[in-house]
Amino acid sequence: MNGLELISIEQAAAQGIERLRKPIWANQFDHIKIDIHGGKPGIWMHLYCPFNQECNGRDPVDQLILLCVPDTYEAEEFVPYTGPLPDSQEYKTEVAKFEGCLK
């Protein structure tokens, strides 16, 4: 897929990669952060999305991985996220684009 090698949550944890995204996600800032314990993924993922603040009142939104990811940890459908982090000005500017859109 565009030269990107897809990895699973389990593979990412083993490599120490905490932030991932699916290449099919529309917003380039959308990504998850996983907790890594001894090279293994935790049961929670933290979904970062600039629309979360407007839609859910917080960013990130925490979700159980077991309920959200097909085939749990083994599905090879992610790439490492290398974009701006939520505390960056670029990410905050993207969040601001959604302010008030649900009113």
Protein backbone atom coordinates (compact mmCIF):
# COMPACT_ATOMS: atom_id res chain seq x y z
CA MET A 1 0.00 0.00 0.00
CA ASN A 2 1.90 3.05 -1.29
CA GLY A 3 5.18 1.48 -0.18
CA LEU A 4 4.09 1.37 3.46
CA GLU A 5 4.47 -1.90 5.29
CA LEU A 6 1.41 -2.66 7.38
CA ILE A 7 1.97 -3.89 10.91
CA SER A 8 -0.23 -5.16 13.71
CA ILE A 9 -0.62 -3.71 17.18
CA GLU A 10 1.29 -6.71 18.51
CA GLN A 11 4.19 -6.14 16.09
CA ALA A 12 4.24 -2.42 16.90
CA ALA A 13 4.45 -3.10 20.64
CA ALA A 14 7.32 -5.56 20.12
CA GLN A 15 9.16 -2.82 18.18
CA GLY A 16 8.35 -0.14 20.77
CA ILE A 17 6.09 1.83 18.40
CA GLU A 18 3.37 3.51 20.48
CA ARG A 19 1.58 5.61 17.87
CA LEU A 20 -0.16 4.07 14.87
CA ARG A 21 -2.71 4.93 12.24
CA LYS A 22 -4.58 3.18 9.46
CA PRO A 23 -3.63 4.51 6.03
CA ILE A 24 -7.32 4.57 5.04
CA TRP A 25 -8.27 7.10 7.74
CA ALA A 26 -9.31 10.36 6.11
CA ASN A 27 -7.73 12.84 8.51
CA GLN A 28 -3.95 12.67 8.52
CA PHE A 29 -3.87 13.58 12.24
CA ASP A 30 -6.08 10.65 13.37
CA HIS A 31 -4.04 8.02 15.21
CA ILE A 32 -3.99 5.71 18.18
CA LYS A 33 -1.51 5.44 21.00
CA ILE A 34 -1.08 2.05 22.60
CA ASP A 35 0.30 1.26 26.04
CA ILE A 36 3.27 -1.10 25.92
CA HIS A 37 4.11 -3.35 28.86
CA GLY A 38 7.17 -5.57 28.52
CA GLY A 39 7.00 -5.50 24.72
CA LYS A 40 3.29 -6.41 24.69
CA PRO A 41 0.32 -4.14 23.99
CA GLY A 42 -2.01 -3.22 26.81
CA ILE A 43 -5.76 -3.65 26.50
CA TRP A 44 -6.48 0.07 25.97
CA MET A 45 -5.86 2.28 22.98
CA HIS A 46 -6.10 6.03 23.03
CA LEU A 47 -7.76 7.40 19.89
CA TYR A 48 -6.48 10.86 18.96
CA CYS A 49 -8.60 12.74 16.45
CA PRO A 50 -8.92 16.49 15.98
CA PHE A 51 -12.73 16.06 15.82
CA ASN A 52 -12.82 14.33 19.23
CA GLN A 53 -12.87 17.60 21.20
CA GLU A 54 -15.95 18.85 19.35
CA CYS A 55 -17.69 15.47 19.22
CA ASN A 56 -16.74 13.93 22.59
CA GLY A 57 -15.51 16.87 24.67
CA ARG A 58 -12.05 15.34 25.04
CA ASP A 59 -9.11 14.12 23.04
CA PRO A 60 -8.06 11.35 23.22
CA VAL A 61 -10.93 8.93 23.68
CA ASP A 62 -9.89 5.69 25.38
CA GLN A 63 -11.23 2.39 24.05
CA LEU A 64 -10.64 -1.27 24.75
CA ILE A 65 -8.60 -2.68 21.88
CA LEU A 66 -10.45 -5.99 22.11
CA LEU A 67 -13.72 -4.28 21.18
CA CYS A 68 -12.38 -2.11 18.37
CA VAL A 69 -9.78 -4.01 16.40
CA PRO A 70 -10.75 -7.04 14.29
CA ASP A 71 -8.63 -10.10 15.06
CA THR A 72 -7.56 -8.28 18.23
CA TYR A 73 -3.84 -7.51 18.12
CA GLU A 74 -2.76 -9.49 15.06
CA ALA A 75 -4.48 -7.57 12.24
CA GLU A 76 -1.78 -6.06 10.02
CA GLU A 77 -3.58 -2.84 9.11
CA PHE A 78 -1.57 -0.05 10.75
CA VAL A 79 1.48 2.06 9.97
CA PRO A 80 3.56 4.04 12.45
CA TYR A 81 2.16 7.53 13.03
CA THR A 82 4.81 10.16 12.43
CA GLY A 83 2.61 13.23 12.23
CA PRO A 84 2.21 16.14 14.63
CA LEU A 85 1.48 15.26 18.25
CA PRO A 86 -1.58 16.64 20.05
CA ASP A 87 0.40 19.31 21.90
CA SER A 88 1.83 20.74 18.65
CA GLN A 89 0.49 23.93 17.12
CA GLU A 90 -0.24 22.12 13.85
CA TYR A 91 -2.51 19.60 15.63
CA LYS A 92 -4.21 22.36 17.67
CA THR A 93 -4.90 24.29 14.45
CA GLU A 94 -6.59 21.20 13.02
CA VAL A 95 -8.71 20.84 16.20
CA ALA A 96 -9.82 24.48 15.85
CA LYS A 97 -11.19 23.75 12.35
CA PHE A 98 -13.92 21.60 13.93
CA GLU A 99 -14.92 24.01 16.75
CA GLY A 100 -18.63 24.75 16.60
CA CYS A 101 -19.42 22.52 13.63
CA LEU A 102 -22.00 20.53 15.63
CA LYS A 103 -23.97 23.59 16.76
